[in-house]
Every structure is written in structure tokens, then in C-alpha cells.
Amino acid sequence: MVLTGLILLTGDELATAASSVLGQELMFEHTSEDDTRKVVKAHSDSDESEIQ
């Protein structure tokens, strides 16, 4: 899954940064593109054209 933003982070780096802010340990778990699409579709109001 590709996300855009101001800086490029790995999943582990993102989890570490979020953990620091939240004061709770988070871990990055790699998922397949197919599984990621299913999760995004189930939890968003995105139009089908917005989900690549």
C-alpha cells in the first residue's frame, strides 16, 4: 500500500513514531496487497476509483 506524505518511512519506523506519541507499543505487520485492499474497503467511504 502506498501512502503519501512529507517524509518516507518504513512500516517499522512509522510504528515506532506512533508508539512514541501514543505512549503505547505498536508493531508493524506486513500484509498482502489483497488483504490491505479488503481492510481499506471495509473501513472507508472511499470511492472505488480512489482505491488502487
Protein backbone atom coordinates (compact mmCIF):
# COMPACT_ATOMS: atom_id res chain seq x y z
CA MET A 1 0.00 0.00 0.00
CA VAL A 2 1.37 3.39 -0.94
CA LEU A 3 0.64 6.40 1.24
CA THR A 4 1.84 9.91 0.55
CA GLY A 5 3.14 12.49 2.96
CA LEU A 6 6.02 14.77 3.81
CA ILE A 7 8.56 12.04 4.62
CA LEU A 8 9.24 8.46 3.56
CA LEU A 9 9.04 5.91 6.41
CA THR A 10 9.15 2.15 6.59
CA GLY A 11 6.34 0.38 8.41
CA ASP A 12 8.63 -0.23 11.38
CA GLU A 13 9.64 3.45 11.51
CA LEU A 14 6.01 4.54 11.40
CA ALA A 15 5.09 2.15 14.21
CA THR A 16 8.00 3.41 16.32
CA ALA A 17 6.99 7.06 15.79
CA ALA A 18 3.34 6.36 16.58
CA SER A 19 4.36 4.38 19.68
CA SER A 20 6.39 7.33 20.91
CA VAL A 21 3.48 9.74 20.50
CA LEU A 22 0.86 7.42 21.98
CA GLY A 23 2.99 6.05 24.82
CA GLN A 24 1.96 2.52 23.81
CA GLU A 25 3.94 -0.01 21.81
CA LEU A 26 2.70 -0.57 18.27
CA MET A 27 4.16 -3.05 15.83
CA PHE A 28 4.10 -3.06 12.04
CA GLU A 29 2.71 -6.21 10.45
CA HIS A 30 3.18 -6.73 6.72
CA THR A 31 0.02 -7.77 4.90
CA SER A 32 -0.58 -8.73 1.30
CA GLU A 33 -1.88 -6.11 -1.11
CA ASP A 34 -5.11 -8.08 -1.47
CA ASP A 35 -5.70 -8.17 2.30
CA THR A 36 -4.88 -4.47 2.59
CA ARG A 37 -7.43 -3.60 -0.10
CA LYS A 38 -10.10 -5.58 1.76
CA VAL A 39 -9.40 -3.74 5.02
CA VAL A 40 -9.36 -0.31 3.37
CA LYS A 41 -12.59 -1.05 1.51
CA ALA A 42 -14.31 -2.31 4.67
CA HIS A 43 -13.28 0.70 6.78
CA SER A 44 -13.57 3.67 4.45
CA ASP A 45 -16.06 5.66 2.46
CA SER A 46 -13.63 5.87 -0.47
CA ASP A 47 -15.00 5.67 -3.98
CA GLU A 48 -13.80 2.55 -5.83
CA SER A 49 -11.75 4.80 -8.17
CA GLU A 50 -9.76 6.08 -5.17
CA ILE A 51 -8.62 2.59 -4.13
CA GLN A 52 -5.77 1.44 -6.36
